[in-house]
Structure formats: structure tokens, C-alpha cells
Amino acid sequence: MLLAALASVLIASCYDGDTCTTSAGEKVRLACIDTPELRGKRANPVPAKAARDYLRGLVVGRDVGIRRITTDRYGRTVAELFVDGSNVQQQLVAAGHADIYWKYAHQCGWTQ
């Protein structure tokens, strides 16, 4: 993939390990991965906070490349993020903070 062709966004915050908000207010759901939930019936707060903090360290306050794929049922942009040419989702999986979300893995070439 030609990274020069990617749009760029400034990440303002990350709610959890797979949801961020841009400086323009766009909510971005990281495609093809699933991280532990912070709240709700399936909450697992310790690994969820670790995943969120890892993601924040990678992207918050930085201009990142974005490959928008679709919009989810909550109105969030489903996308891949790239920092310094490296896929953020792959980094989360490699670090043990996320699993590949197989139901949607076809959207990301690196999961094949």
C-alpha cells in the first residue's frame, strides 16, 4: 500500500483499545481487531486499560495515516491507522493487547 495516498488525521483521544476520536471529532473504530471491554457485561478492565493506554501511547497527539473502510452501526468510521508507516492494529495484536476480529478480518489485508 502506498502510504503517501493515505489521508492524515490528528488523534485527540482514545476511549478504549479500539476506538479513538480525531481532532475534528470523527470517531474511529479500529478495523479488524477486538480489544477487551472497559464497561458492560463483558468488561475486563485491567487488560482493557492496558490496551487503551498502549494505543494512546502510539497515536494520541500525532498525525496518523488513515484508511477509511466503512461506517459501523454506531456511526463510527471503521478504519486502519498507520504511524510512521506501521499498521497500528498489527502493533496492538503483536503486543498482545488485541485479537484479530475474524468476522471482519477480510477488510484488512494483513490478517490473511
PDB file of N, CA and C in Angstrom:
ATOM      1  N   MET A   1       0.846  -1.184   0.000  1.00  0.00           N
ATOM      2  CA  MET A   1       0.000   0.000   0.000  1.00  0.00           C
ATOM      3  C   MET A   1       0.885   1.238   0.000  1.00  0.00           C
ATOM      4  N   LEU A   2       0.526   2.184  -0.821  1.00  0.00           N
ATOM      5  CA  LEU A   2       1.267   3.443  -0.858  1.00  0.00           C
ATOM      6  C   LEU A   2       0.794   4.343   0.261  1.00  0.00           C
ATOM      7  N   LEU A   3       1.654   4.558   1.246  1.00  0.00           N
ATOM      8  CA  LEU A   3       1.247   5.363   2.392  1.00  0.00           C
ATOM      9  C   LEU A   3       1.039   6.811   2.007  1.00  0.00           C
ATOM     10  N   ALA A   4       1.697   7.266   0.953  1.00  0.00           N
ATOM     11  CA  ALA A   4       1.533   8.646   0.508  1.00  0.00           C
ATOM     12  C   ALA A   4       0.085   8.915   0.089  1.00  0.00           C
ATOM     13  N   ALA A   5      -0.629   7.856  -0.277  1.00  0.00           N
ATOM     14  CA  ALA A   5      -2.011   8.012  -0.731  1.00  0.00           C
ATOM     15  C   ALA A   5      -2.997   8.099   0.429  1.00  0.00           C
ATOM     16  N   LEU A   6      -2.535   7.830   1.639  1.00  0.00           N
ATOM     17  CA  LEU A   6      -3.425   7.841   2.791  1.00  0.00           C
ATOM     18  C   LEU A   6      -3.767   9.261   3.229  1.00  0.00           C
ATOM     19  N   ALA A   7      -5.007   9.411   3.690  1.00  0.00           N
ATOM     20  CA  ALA A   7      -5.386  10.657   4.354  1.00  0.00           C
ATOM     21  C   ALA A   7      -4.677  10.687   5.706  1.00  0.00           C
ATOM     22  N   SER A   8      -4.639  11.853   6.311  1.00  0.00           N
ATOM     23  CA  SER A   8      -3.981  12.003   7.603  1.00  0.00           C
ATOM     24  C   SER A   8      -4.948  12.660   8.575  1.00  0.00           C
ATOM     25  N   VAL A   9      -4.977  12.171   9.814  1.00  0.00           N
ATOM     26  CA  VAL A   9      -5.813  12.763  10.857  1.00  0.00           C
ATOM     27  C   VAL A   9      -4.987  12.940  12.122  1.00  0.00           C
ATOM     28  N   LEU A  10      -5.388  13.895  12.945  1.00  0.00           N
ATOM     29  CA  LEU A  10      -4.759  14.099  14.251  1.00  0.00           C
ATOM     30  C   LEU A  10      -5.643  13.421  15.286  1.00  0.00           C
ATOM     31  N   ILE A  11      -5.078  12.465  16.034  1.00  0.00           N
ATOM     32  CA  ILE A  11      -5.847  11.746  17.049  1.00  0.00           C
ATOM     33  C   ILE A  11      -5.840  12.561  18.347  1.00  0.00           C
ATOM     34  N   ALA A  12      -7.038  12.894  18.818  1.00  0.00           N
ATOM     35  CA  ALA A  12      -7.175  13.705  20.033  1.00  0.00           C
ATOM     36  C   ALA A  12      -7.246  12.840  21.289  1.00  0.00           C
ATOM     37  N   SER A  13      -7.926  11.678  21.188  1.00  0.00           N
ATOM     38  CA  SER A  13      -8.093  10.828  22.366  1.00  0.00           C
ATOM     39  C   SER A  13      -8.467   9.416  21.931  1.00  0.00           C
ATOM     40  N   CYS A  14      -8.304   8.470  22.859  1.00  0.00           N
ATOM     41  CA  CYS A  14      -8.740   7.092  22.619  1.00  0.00           C
ATOM     42  C   CYS A  14      -9.582   6.665  23.813  1.00  0.00           C
ATOM     43  N   TYR A  15     -10.803   6.241  23.530  1.00  0.00           N
ATOM     44  CA  TYR A  15     -11.727   5.823  24.586  1.00  0.00           C
ATOM     45  C   TYR A  15     -11.328   4.475  25.162  1.00  0.00           C
ATOM     46  N   ASP A  16     -10.968   3.561  24.265  1.00  0.00           N
ATOM     47  CA  ASP A  16     -10.539   2.227  24.691  1.00  0.00           C
ATOM     48  C   ASP A  16      -9.483   1.727  23.719  1.00  0.00           C
ATOM     49  N   GLY A  17      -9.240   0.438  23.687  1.00  0.00           N
ATOM     50  CA  GLY A  17      -8.167  -0.087  22.860  1.00  0.00           C
ATOM     51  C   GLY A  17      -8.460  -0.148  21.377  1.00  0.00           C
ATOM     52  N   ASP A  18      -9.727   0.101  20.989  1.00  0.00           N
ATOM     53  CA  ASP A  18     -10.037   0.058  19.560  1.00  0.00           C
ATOM     54  C   ASP A  18     -10.958   1.187  19.094  1.00  0.00           C
ATOM     55  N   THR A  19     -11.045   2.276  19.875  1.00  0.00           N
ATOM     56  CA  THR A  19     -11.860   3.427  19.479  1.00  0.00           C
ATOM     57  C   THR A  19     -11.149   4.729  19.822  1.00  0.00           C
ATOM     58  N   CYS A  20     -10.941   5.572  18.809  1.00  0.00           N
ATOM     59  CA  CYS A  20     -10.288   6.867  19.011  1.00  0.00           C
ATOM     60  C   CYS A  20     -11.162   7.973  18.439  1.00  0.00           C
ATOM     61  N   THR A  21     -10.839   9.214  18.803  1.00  0.00           N
ATOM     62  CA  THR A  21     -11.517  10.386  18.262  1.00  0.00           C
ATOM     63  C   THR A  21     -10.461  11.319  17.685  1.00  0.00           C
ATOM     64  N   THR A  22     -10.747  11.843  16.491  1.00  0.00           N
ATOM     65  CA  THR A  22      -9.814  12.773  15.854  1.00  0.00           C
ATOM     66  C   THR A  22     -10.039  14.177  16.391  1.00  0.00           C
ATOM     67  N   SER A  23      -9.112  15.072  16.079  1.00  0.00           N
ATOM     68  CA  SER A  23      -9.236  16.468  16.499  1.00  0.00           C
ATOM     69  C   SER A  23     -10.465  17.128  15.874  1.00  0.00           C
ATOM     70  N   ALA A  24     -10.941  16.562  14.759  1.00  0.00           N
ATOM     71  CA  ALA A  24     -12.138  17.086  14.095  1.00  0.00           C
ATOM     72  C   ALA A  24     -13.423  16.479  14.656  1.00  0.00           C
ATOM     73  N   GLY A  25     -13.283  15.560  15.612  1.00  0.00           N
ATOM     74  CA  GLY A  25     -14.454  14.947  16.234  1.00  0.00           C
ATOM     75  C   GLY A  25     -14.922  13.660  15.589  1.00  0.00           C
ATOM     76  N   GLU A  26     -14.201  13.190  14.589  1.00  0.00           N
ATOM     77  CA  GLU A  26     -14.557  11.921  13.936  1.00  0.00           C
ATOM     78  C   GLU A  26     -14.223  10.764  14.868  1.00  0.00           C
ATOM     79  N   LYS A  27     -15.200   9.899  15.126  1.00  0.00           N
ATOM     80  CA  LYS A  27     -14.958   8.713  15.947  1.00  0.00           C
ATOM     81  C   LYS A  27     -14.486   7.591  15.033  1.00  0.00           C
ATOM     82  N   VAL A  28     -13.368   6.974  15.400  1.00  0.00           N
ATOM     83  CA  VAL A  28     -12.749   5.953  14.561  1.00  0.00           C
ATOM     84  C   VAL A  28     -12.685   4.639  15.321  1.00  0.00           C
ATOM     85  N   ARG A  29     -13.306   3.601  14.732  1.00  0.00           N
ATOM     86  CA  ARG A  29     -13.234   2.240  15.269  1.00  0.00           C
ATOM     87  C   ARG A  29     -12.143   1.534  14.489  1.00  0.00           C
ATOM     88  N   LEU A  30     -11.124   1.041  15.198  1.00  0.00           N
ATOM     89  CA  LEU A  30     -10.027   0.364  14.517  1.00  0.00           C
ATOM     90  C   LEU A  30     -10.522  -0.940  13.898  1.00  0.00           C
ATOM     91  N   ALA A  31     -10.316  -1.065  12.599  1.00  0.00           N
ATOM     92  CA  ALA A  31     -10.811  -2.213  11.839  1.00  0.00           C
ATOM     93  C   ALA A  31     -10.055  -3.490  12.193  1.00  0.00           C
ATOM     94  N   CYS A  32     -10.760  -4.618  12.102  1.00  0.00           N
ATOM     95  CA  CYS A  32     -10.162  -5.964  12.099  1.00  0.00           C
ATOM     96  C   CYS A  32      -9.593  -6.428  13.427  1.00  0.00           C
ATOM     97  N   ILE A  33      -9.747  -5.648  14.491  1.00  0.00           N
ATOM     98  CA  ILE A  33      -9.258  -6.102  15.798  1.00  0.00           C
ATOM     99  C   ILE A  33     -10.352  -5.952  16.845  1.00  0.00           C
ATOM    100  N   ASP A  34     -10.177  -6.661  17.940  1.00  0.00           N
ATOM    101  CA  ASP A  34     -11.066  -6.557  19.088  1.00  0.00           C
ATOM    102  C   ASP A  34     -10.192  -6.500  20.327  1.00  0.00           C
ATOM    103  N   THR A  35     -10.499  -5.577  21.229  1.00  0.00           N
ATOM    104  CA  THR A  35      -9.765  -5.459  22.487  1.00  0.00           C
ATOM    105  C   THR A  35     -10.742  -5.642  23.644  1.00  0.00           C
ATOM    106  N   PRO A  36     -10.236  -5.943  24.833  1.00  0.00           N
ATOM    107  CA  PRO A  36     -11.136  -6.134  25.979  1.00  0.00           C
ATOM    108  C   PRO A  36     -11.995  -4.895  26.254  1.00  0.00           C
ATOM    109  N   GLU A  37     -13.193  -5.129  26.785  1.00  0.00           N
ATOM    110  CA  GLU A  37     -14.139  -4.047  27.055  1.00  0.00           C
ATOM    111  C   GLU A  37     -13.864  -3.386  28.404  1.00  0.00           C
ATOM    112  N   LEU A  38     -14.009  -2.058  28.431  1.00  0.00           N
ATOM    113  CA  LEU A  38     -13.869  -1.306  29.681  1.00  0.00           C
ATOM    114  C   LEU A  38     -15.111  -1.431  30.553  1.00  0.00           C
ATOM    115  N   ARG A  39     -16.294  -1.419  29.911  1.00  0.00           N
ATOM    116  CA  ARG A  39     -17.565  -1.413  30.643  1.00  0.00           C
ATOM    117  C   ARG A  39     -18.515  -2.421  30.037  1.00  0.00           C
ATOM    118  N   GLY A  40     -19.573  -2.705  30.790  1.00  0.00           N
ATOM    119  CA  GLY A  40     -20.614  -3.590  30.273  1.00  0.00           C
ATOM    120  C   GLY A  40     -20.489  -5.002  30.807  1.00  0.00           C
ATOM    121  N   LYS A  41     -21.337  -5.883  30.287  1.00  0.00           N
ATOM    122  CA  LYS A  41     -21.406  -7.259  30.776  1.00  0.00           C
ATOM    123  C   LYS A  41     -20.106  -8.025  30.573  1.00  0.00           C
ATOM    124  N   ARG A  42     -19.404  -7.692  29.480  1.00  0.00           N
ATOM    125  CA  ARG A  42     -18.169  -8.424  29.172  1.00  0.00           C
ATOM    126  C   ARG A  42     -16.923  -7.646  29.595  1.00  0.00           C
ATOM    127  N   ALA A  43     -17.091  -6.712  30.502  1.00  0.00           N
ATOM    128  CA  ALA A  43     -15.976  -5.852  30.907  1.00  0.00           C
ATOM    129  C   ALA A  43     -14.826  -6.665  31.495  1.00  0.00           C
ATOM    130  N   ASN A  44     -13.627  -6.260  31.131  1.00  0.00           N
ATOM    131  CA  ASN A  44     -12.398  -6.854  31.661  1.00  0.00           C
ATOM    132  C   ASN A  44     -11.428  -5.686  31.820  1.00  0.00           C
ATOM    133  N   PRO A  45     -11.634  -4.878  32.877  1.00  0.00           N
ATOM    134  CA  PRO A  45     -10.997  -3.554  32.962  1.00  0.00           C
ATOM    135  C   PRO A  45      -9.469  -3.536  32.946  1.00  0.00           C
ATOM    136  N   VAL A  46      -8.806  -4.507  33.550  1.00  0.00           N
ATOM    137  CA  VAL A  46      -7.337  -4.436  33.624  1.00  0.00           C
ATOM    138  C   VAL A  46      -6.702  -4.535  32.231  1.00  0.00           C
ATOM    139  N   PRO A  47      -6.981  -5.606  31.459  1.00  0.00           N
ATOM    140  CA  PRO A  47      -6.407  -5.635  30.105  1.00  0.00           C
ATOM    141  C   PRO A  47      -6.995  -4.552  29.197  1.00  0.00           C
ATOM    142  N   ALA A  48      -8.237  -4.147  29.440  1.00  0.00           N
ATOM    143  CA  ALA A  48      -8.848  -3.090  28.632  1.00  0.00           C
ATOM    144  C   ALA A  48      -8.086  -1.779  28.802  1.00  0.00           C
ATOM    145  N   LYS A  49      -7.737  -1.434  30.037  1.00  0.00           N
ATOM    146  CA  LYS A  49      -6.978  -0.200  30.292  1.00  0.00           C
ATOM    147  C   LYS A  49      -5.566  -0.307  29.716  1.00  0.00           C
ATOM    148  N   ALA A  50      -4.972  -1.500  29.800  1.00  0.00           N
ATOM    149  CA  ALA A  50      -3.629  -1.698  29.235  1.00  0.00           C
ATOM    150  C   ALA A  50      -3.657  -1.486  27.722  1.00  0.00           C
ATOM    151  N   ALA A  51      -4.678  -2.025  27.050  1.00  0.00           N
ATOM    152  CA  ALA A  51      -4.811  -1.860  25.598  1.00  0.00           C
ATOM    153  C   ALA A  51      -5.029  -0.391  25.253  1.00  0.00           C
ATOM    154  N   ARG A  52      -5.918   0.272  26.010  1.00  0.00           N
ATOM    155  CA  ARG A  52      -6.192   1.693  25.760  1.00  0.00           C
ATOM    156  C   ARG A  52      -4.927   2.527  25.940  1.00  0.00           C
ATOM    157  N   ASP A  53      -4.196   2.278  27.009  1.00  0.00           N
ATOM    158  CA  ASP A  53      -3.007   3.077  27.284  1.00  0.00           C
ATOM    159  C   ASP A  53      -1.917   2.842  26.238  1.00  0.00           C
ATOM    160  N   TYR A  54      -1.795   1.603  25.776  1.00  0.00           N
ATOM    161  CA  TYR A  54      -0.835   1.287  24.722  1.00  0.00           C
ATOM    162  C   TYR A  54      -1.199   2.042  23.446  1.00  0.00           C
ATOM    163  N   LEU A  55      -2.491   1.995  23.072  1.00  0.00           N
ATOM    164  CA  LEU A  55      -2.963   2.687  21.875  1.00  0.00           C
ATOM    165  C   LEU A  55      -2.751   4.195  22.017  1.00  0.00           C
ATOM    166  N   ARG A  56      -3.082   4.750  23.174  1.00  0.00           N
ATOM    167  CA  ARG A  56      -2.870   6.186  23.396  1.00  0.00           C
ATOM    168  C   ARG A  56      -1.406   6.564  23.187  1.00  0.00           C
ATOM    169  N   GLY A  57      -0.507   5.725  23.684  1.00  0.00           N
ATOM    170  CA  GLY A  57       0.916   5.992  23.533  1.00  0.00           C
ATOM    171  C   GLY A  57       1.359   6.012  22.075  1.00  0.00           C
ATOM    172  N   LEU A  58       0.679   5.221  21.247  1.00  0.00           N
ATOM    173  CA  LEU A  58       1.029   5.158  19.824  1.00  0.00           C
ATOM    174  C   LEU A  58       0.487   6.341  19.036  1.00  0.00           C
ATOM    175  N   VAL A  59      -0.738   6.792  19.348  1.00  0.00           N
ATOM    176  CA  VAL A  59      -1.425   7.691  18.404  1.00  0.00           C
ATOM    177  C   VAL A  59      -1.870   9.050  18.927  1.00  0.00           C
ATOM    178  N   VAL A  60      -2.112   9.191  20.221  1.00  0.00           N
ATOM    179  CA  VAL A  60      -2.694  10.454  20.697  1.00  0.00           C
ATOM    180  C   VAL A  60      -1.712  11.615  20.516  1.00  0.00           C
ATOM    181  N   GLY A  61      -2.236  12.693  19.941  1.00  0.00           N
ATOM    182  CA  GLY A  61      -1.429  13.882  19.710  1.00  0.00           C
ATOM    183  C   GLY A  61      -0.578  13.805  18.457  1.00  0.00           C
ATOM    184  N   ARG A  62      -0.788  12.760  17.674  1.00  0.00           N
ATOM    185  CA  ARG A  62       0.025  12.569  16.470  1.00  0.00           C
ATOM    186  C   ARG A  62      -0.844  12.593  15.226  1.00  0.00           C
ATOM    187  N   ASP A  63      -0.235  13.031  14.135  1.00  0.00           N
ATOM    188  CA  ASP A  63      -0.867  12.876  12.834  1.00  0.00           C
ATOM    189  C   ASP A  63      -0.626  11.444  12.398  1.00  0.00           C
ATOM    190  N   VAL A  64      -1.684  10.726  12.110  1.00  0.00           N
ATOM    191  CA  VAL A  64      -1.572   9.333  11.689  1.00  0.00           C
ATOM    192  C   VAL A  64      -2.236   9.157  10.331  1.00  0.00           C
ATOM    193  N   GLY A  65      -1.748   8.168   9.588  1.00  0.00           N
ATOM    194  CA  GLY A  65      -2.396   7.821   8.336  1.00  0.00           C
ATOM    195  C   GLY A  65      -3.678   7.070   8.632  1.00  0.00           C
ATOM    196  N   ILE A  66      -4.680   7.282   7.794  1.00  0.00           N
ATOM    197  CA  ILE A  66      -5.955   6.582   7.989  1.00  0.00           C
ATOM    198  C   ILE A  66      -6.441   6.029   6.656  1.00  0.00           C
ATOM    199  N   ARG A  67      -6.871   4.750   6.693  1.00  0.00           N
ATOM    200  CA  ARG A  67      -7.517   4.127   5.542  1.00  0.00           C
ATOM    201  C   ARG A  67      -8.944   3.811   5.966  1.00  0.00           C
ATOM    202  N   ARG A  68      -9.868   4.677   5.549  1.00  0.00           N
ATOM    203  CA  ARG A  68     -11.272   4.502   5.918  1.00  0.00           C
ATOM    204  C   ARG A  68     -11.873   3.353   5.111  1.00  0.00           C
ATOM    205  N   ILE A  69     -12.613   2.473   5.797  1.00  0.00           N
ATOM    206  CA  ILE A  69     -13.173   1.292   5.156  1.00  0.00           C
ATOM    207  C   ILE A  69     -14.695   1.396   5.039  1.00  0.00           C
ATOM    208  N   THR A  70     -15.365   1.712   6.130  1.00  0.00           N
ATOM    209  CA  THR A  70     -16.827   1.763   6.146  1.00  0.00           C
ATOM    210  C   THR A  70     -17.264   2.547   7.381  1.00  0.00           C
ATOM    211  N   THR A  71     -18.558   2.540   7.643  1.00  0.00           N
ATOM    212  CA  THR A  71     -19.111   3.145   8.851  1.00  0.00           C
ATOM    213  C   THR A  71     -19.872   2.058   9.597  1.00  0.00           C
ATOM    214  N   ASP A  72     -19.739   2.004  10.930  1.00  0.00           N
ATOM    215  CA  ASP A  72     -20.436   0.955  11.686  1.00  0.00           C
ATOM    216  C   ASP A  72     -21.820   1.422  12.136  1.00  0.00           C
ATOM    217  N   ARG A  73     -22.518   0.542  12.840  1.00  0.00           N
ATOM    218  CA  ARG A  73     -23.911   0.837  13.238  1.00  0.00           C
ATOM    219  C   ARG A  73     -24.005   1.971  14.245  1.00  0.00           C
ATOM    220  N   TYR A  74     -22.874   2.348  14.850  1.00  0.00           N
ATOM    221  CA  TYR A  74     -22.855   3.467  15.800  1.00  0.00           C
ATOM    222  C   TYR A  74     -22.432   4.774  15.127  1.00  0.00           C
ATOM    223  N   GLY A  75     -22.253   4.738  13.806  1.00  0.00           N
ATOM    224  CA  GLY A  75     -21.858   5.943  13.090  1.00  0.00           C
ATOM    225  C   GLY A  75     -20.366   6.233  13.120  1.00  0.00           C
ATOM    226  N   ARG A  76     -19.586   5.286  13.654  1.00  0.00           N
ATOM    227  CA  ARG A  76     -18.135   5.479  13.700  1.00  0.00           C
ATOM    228  C   ARG A  76     -17.508   5.087  12.360  1.00  0.00           C
ATOM    229  N   THR A  77     -16.423   5.752  12.022  1.00  0.00           N
ATOM    230  CA  THR A  77     -15.637   5.375  10.858  1.00  0.00           C
ATOM    231  C   THR A  77     -14.829   4.133  11.218  1.00  0.00           C
ATOM    232  N   VAL A  78     -14.952   3.078  10.429  1.00  0.00           N
ATOM    233  CA  VAL A  78     -14.129   1.879  10.610  1.00  0.00           C
ATOM    234  C   VAL A  78     -12.914   2.056   9.711  1.00  0.00           C
ATOM    235  N   ALA A  79     -11.718   2.001  10.305  1.00  0.00           N
ATOM    236  CA  ALA A  79     -10.521   2.333   9.536  1.00  0.00           C
ATOM    237  C   ALA A  79      -9.286   1.647  10.097  1.00  0.00           C
ATOM    238  N   GLU A  80      -8.262   1.603   9.247  1.00  0.00           N
ATOM    239  CA  GLU A  80      -6.932   1.202   9.688  1.00  0.00           C
ATOM    240  C   GLU A  80      -6.142   2.473   9.944  1.00  0.00           C
ATOM    241  N   LEU A  81      -5.329   2.456  10.990  1.00  0.00           N
ATOM    242  CA  LEU A  81      -4.455   3.593  11.305  1.00  0.00           C
ATOM    243  C   LEU A  81      -3.001   3.190  11.109  1.00  0.00           C
ATOM    244  N   PHE A  82      -2.190   4.156  10.702  1.00  0.00           N
ATOM    245  CA  PHE A  82      -0.766   3.916  10.448  1.00  0.00           C
ATOM    246  C   PHE A  82       0.063   5.008  11.108  1.00  0.00           C
ATOM    247  N   VAL A  83       1.105   4.588  11.831  1.00  0.00           N
ATOM    248  CA  VAL A  83       2.050   5.518  12.447  1.00  0.00           C
ATOM    249  C   VAL A  83       3.431   5.201  11.892  1.00  0.00           C
ATOM    250  N   ASP A  84       4.065   6.200  11.324  1.00  0.00           N
ATOM    251  CA  ASP A  84       5.401   6.013  10.739  1.00  0.00           C
ATOM    252  C   ASP A  84       5.432   4.814   9.785  1.00  0.00           C
ATOM    253  N   GLY A  85       4.359   4.650   9.015  1.00  0.00           N
ATOM    254  CA  GLY A  85       4.304   3.577   8.032  1.00  0.00           C
ATOM    255  C   GLY A  85       3.941   2.216   8.582  1.00  0.00           C
ATOM    256  N   SER A  86       3.707   2.131   9.880  1.00  0.00           N
ATOM    257  CA  SER A  86       3.412   0.851  10.519  1.00  0.00           C
ATOM    258  C   SER A  86       1.928   0.775  10.899  1.00  0.00           C
ATOM    259  N   ASN A  87       1.312  -0.374  10.670  1.00  0.00           N
ATOM    260  CA  ASN A  87      -0.109  -0.572  10.952  1.00  0.00           C
ATOM    261  C   ASN A  87      -0.331  -0.663  12.468  1.00  0.00           C
ATOM    262  N   VAL A  88      -1.161   0.238  12.990  1.00  0.00           N
ATOM    263  CA  VAL A  88      -1.425   0.308  14.436  1.00  0.00           C
ATOM    264  C   VAL A  88      -2.123  -0.960  14.933  1.00  0.00           C
ATOM    265  N   GLN A  89      -3.074  -1.484  14.147  1.00  0.00           N
ATOM    266  CA  GLN A  89      -3.771  -2.698  14.574  1.00  0.00           C
ATOM    267  C   GLN A  89      -2.808  -3.870  14.705  1.00  0.00           C
ATOM    268  N   GLN A  90      -1.898  -4.011  13.743  1.00  0.00           N
ATOM    269  CA  GLN A  90      -0.921  -5.101  13.820  1.00  0.00           C
ATOM    270  C   GLN A  90      -0.061  -4.955  15.074  1.00  0.00           C
ATOM    271  N   GLN A  91       0.291  -3.719  15.422  1.00  0.00           N
ATOM    272  CA  GLN A  91       1.100  -3.492  16.621  1.00  0.00           C
ATOM    273  C   GLN A  91       0.346  -3.907  17.880  1.00  0.00           C
ATOM    274  N   LEU A  92      -0.952  -3.601  17.948  1.00  0.00           N
ATOM    275  CA  LEU A  92      -1.763  -3.992  19.108  1.00  0.00           C
ATOM    276  C   LEU A  92      -1.848  -5.506  19.239  1.00  0.00           C
ATOM    277  N   VAL A  93      -2.025  -6.204  18.101  1.00  0.00           N
ATOM    278  CA  VAL A  93      -2.088  -7.668  18.118  1.00  0.00           C
ATOM    279  C   VAL A  93      -0.736  -8.247  18.539  1.00  0.00           C
ATOM    280  N   ALA A  94       0.337  -7.718  17.928  1.00  0.00           N
ATOM    281  CA  ALA A  94       1.686  -8.234  18.224  1.00  0.00           C
ATOM    282  C   ALA A  94       2.055  -8.033  19.691  1.00  0.00           C
ATOM    283  N   ALA A  95       1.568  -6.943  20.292  1.00  0.00           N
ATOM    284  CA  ALA A  95       1.887  -6.645  21.701  1.00  0.00           C
ATOM    285  C   ALA A  95       0.976  -7.404  22.664  1.00  0.00           C
ATOM    286  N   GLY A  96       0.002  -8.145  22.136  1.00  0.00           N
ATOM    287  CA  GLY A  96      -0.882  -8.932  22.988  1.00  0.00           C
ATOM    288  C   GLY A  96      -2.060  -8.164  23.556  1.00  0.00           C
ATOM    289  N   HIS A  97      -2.321  -6.968  23.040  1.00  0.00           N
ATOM    290  CA  HIS A  97      -3.427  -6.150  23.552  1.00  0.00           C
ATOM    291  C   HIS A  97      -4.716  -6.322  22.764  1.00  0.00           C
ATOM    292  N   ALA A  98      -4.649  -6.981  21.607  1.00  0.00           N
ATOM    293  CA  ALA A  98      -5.835  -7.147  20.758  1.00  0.00           C
ATOM    294  C   ALA A  98      -5.797  -8.507  20.079  1.00  0.00           C
ATOM    295  N   ASP A  99      -6.981  -8.966  19.703  1.00  0.00           N
ATOM    296  CA  ASP A  99      -7.118 -10.173  18.896  1.00  0.00           C
ATOM    297  C   ASP A  99      -7.637  -9.762  17.521  1.00  0.00           C
ATOM    298  N   ILE A 100      -7.327 -10.568  16.531  1.00  0.00           N
ATOM    299  CA  ILE A 100      -7.912 -10.328  15.213  1.00  0.00           C
ATOM    300  C   ILE A 100      -9.406 -10.629  15.316  1.00  0.00           C
ATOM    301  N   TYR A 101     -10.227  -9.726  14.804  1.00  0.00           N
ATOM    302  CA  TYR A 101     -11.682  -9.886  14.806  1.00  0.00           C
ATOM    303  C   TYR A 101     -12.038 -10.588  13.504  1.00  0.00           C
ATOM    304  N   TRP A 102     -12.089 -11.934  13.567  1.00  0.00           N
ATOM    305  CA  TRP A 102     -12.171 -12.740  12.353  1.00  0.00           C
ATOM    306  C   TRP A 102     -13.405 -12.449  11.513  1.00  0.00           C
ATOM    307  N   LYS A 103     -14.499 -12.040  12.147  1.00  0.00           N
ATOM    308  CA  LYS A 103     -15.729 -11.735  11.400  1.00  0.00           C
ATOM    309  C   LYS A 103     -15.488 -10.631  10.364  1.00  0.00           C
ATOM    310  N   TYR A 104     -14.563  -9.718  10.681  1.00  0.00           N
ATOM    311  CA  TYR A 104     -14.291  -8.578   9.803  1.00  0.00           C
ATOM    312  C   TYR A 104     -12.877  -8.579   9.226  1.00  0.00           C
ATOM    313  N   ALA A 105     -12.142  -9.657   9.442  1.00  0.00           N
ATOM    314  CA  ALA A 105     -10.731  -9.703   9.050  1.00  0.00           C
ATOM    315  C   ALA A 105     -10.523  -9.509   7.548  1.00  0.00           C
ATOM    316  N   HIS A 106     -11.538  -9.848   6.745  1.00  0.00           N
ATOM    317  CA  HIS A 106     -11.413  -9.698   5.288  1.00  0.00           C
ATOM    318  C   HIS A 106     -11.191  -8.244   4.883  1.00  0.00           C
ATOM    319  N   GLN A 107     -11.476  -7.293   5.775  1.00  0.00           N
ATOM    320  CA  GLN A 107     -11.315  -5.872   5.462  1.00  0.00           C
ATOM    321  C   GLN A 107      -9.846  -5.427   5.511  1.00  0.00           C
ATOM    322  N   CYS A 108      -8.988  -6.247   6.091  1.00  0.00           N
ATOM    323  CA  CYS A 108      -7.573  -5.870   6.279  1.00  0.00           C
ATOM    324  C   CYS A 108      -6.663  -6.939   5.690  1.00  0.00           C
ATOM    325  N   GLY A 109      -5.869  -6.540   4.716  1.00  0.00           N
ATOM    326  CA  GLY A 109      -5.004  -7.491   4.034  1.00  0.00           C
ATOM    327  C   GLY A 109      -4.006  -8.193   4.937  1.00  0.00           C
ATOM    328  N   TRP A 110      -3.552  -7.533   6.003  1.00  0.00           N
ATOM    329  CA  TRP A 110      -2.526  -8.126   6.879  1.00  0.00           C
ATOM    330  C   TRP A 110      -3.039  -9.309   7.686  1.00  0.00           C
ATOM    331  N   THR A 111      -4.350  -9.518   7.768  1.00  0.00           N
ATOM    332  CA  THR A 111      -4.884 -10.634   8.565  1.00  0.00           C
ATOM    333  C   THR A 111      -4.881 -11.946   7.785  1.00  0.00           C
ATOM    334  N   GLN A 112      -4.658 -11.872   6.486  1.00  0.00           N
ATOM    335  CA  GLN A 112      -4.767 -13.066   5.628  1.00  0.00           C
ATOM    336  C   GLN A 112      -3.593 -14.012   5.854  1.00  0.00           C
TER     337      GLN A 112
END
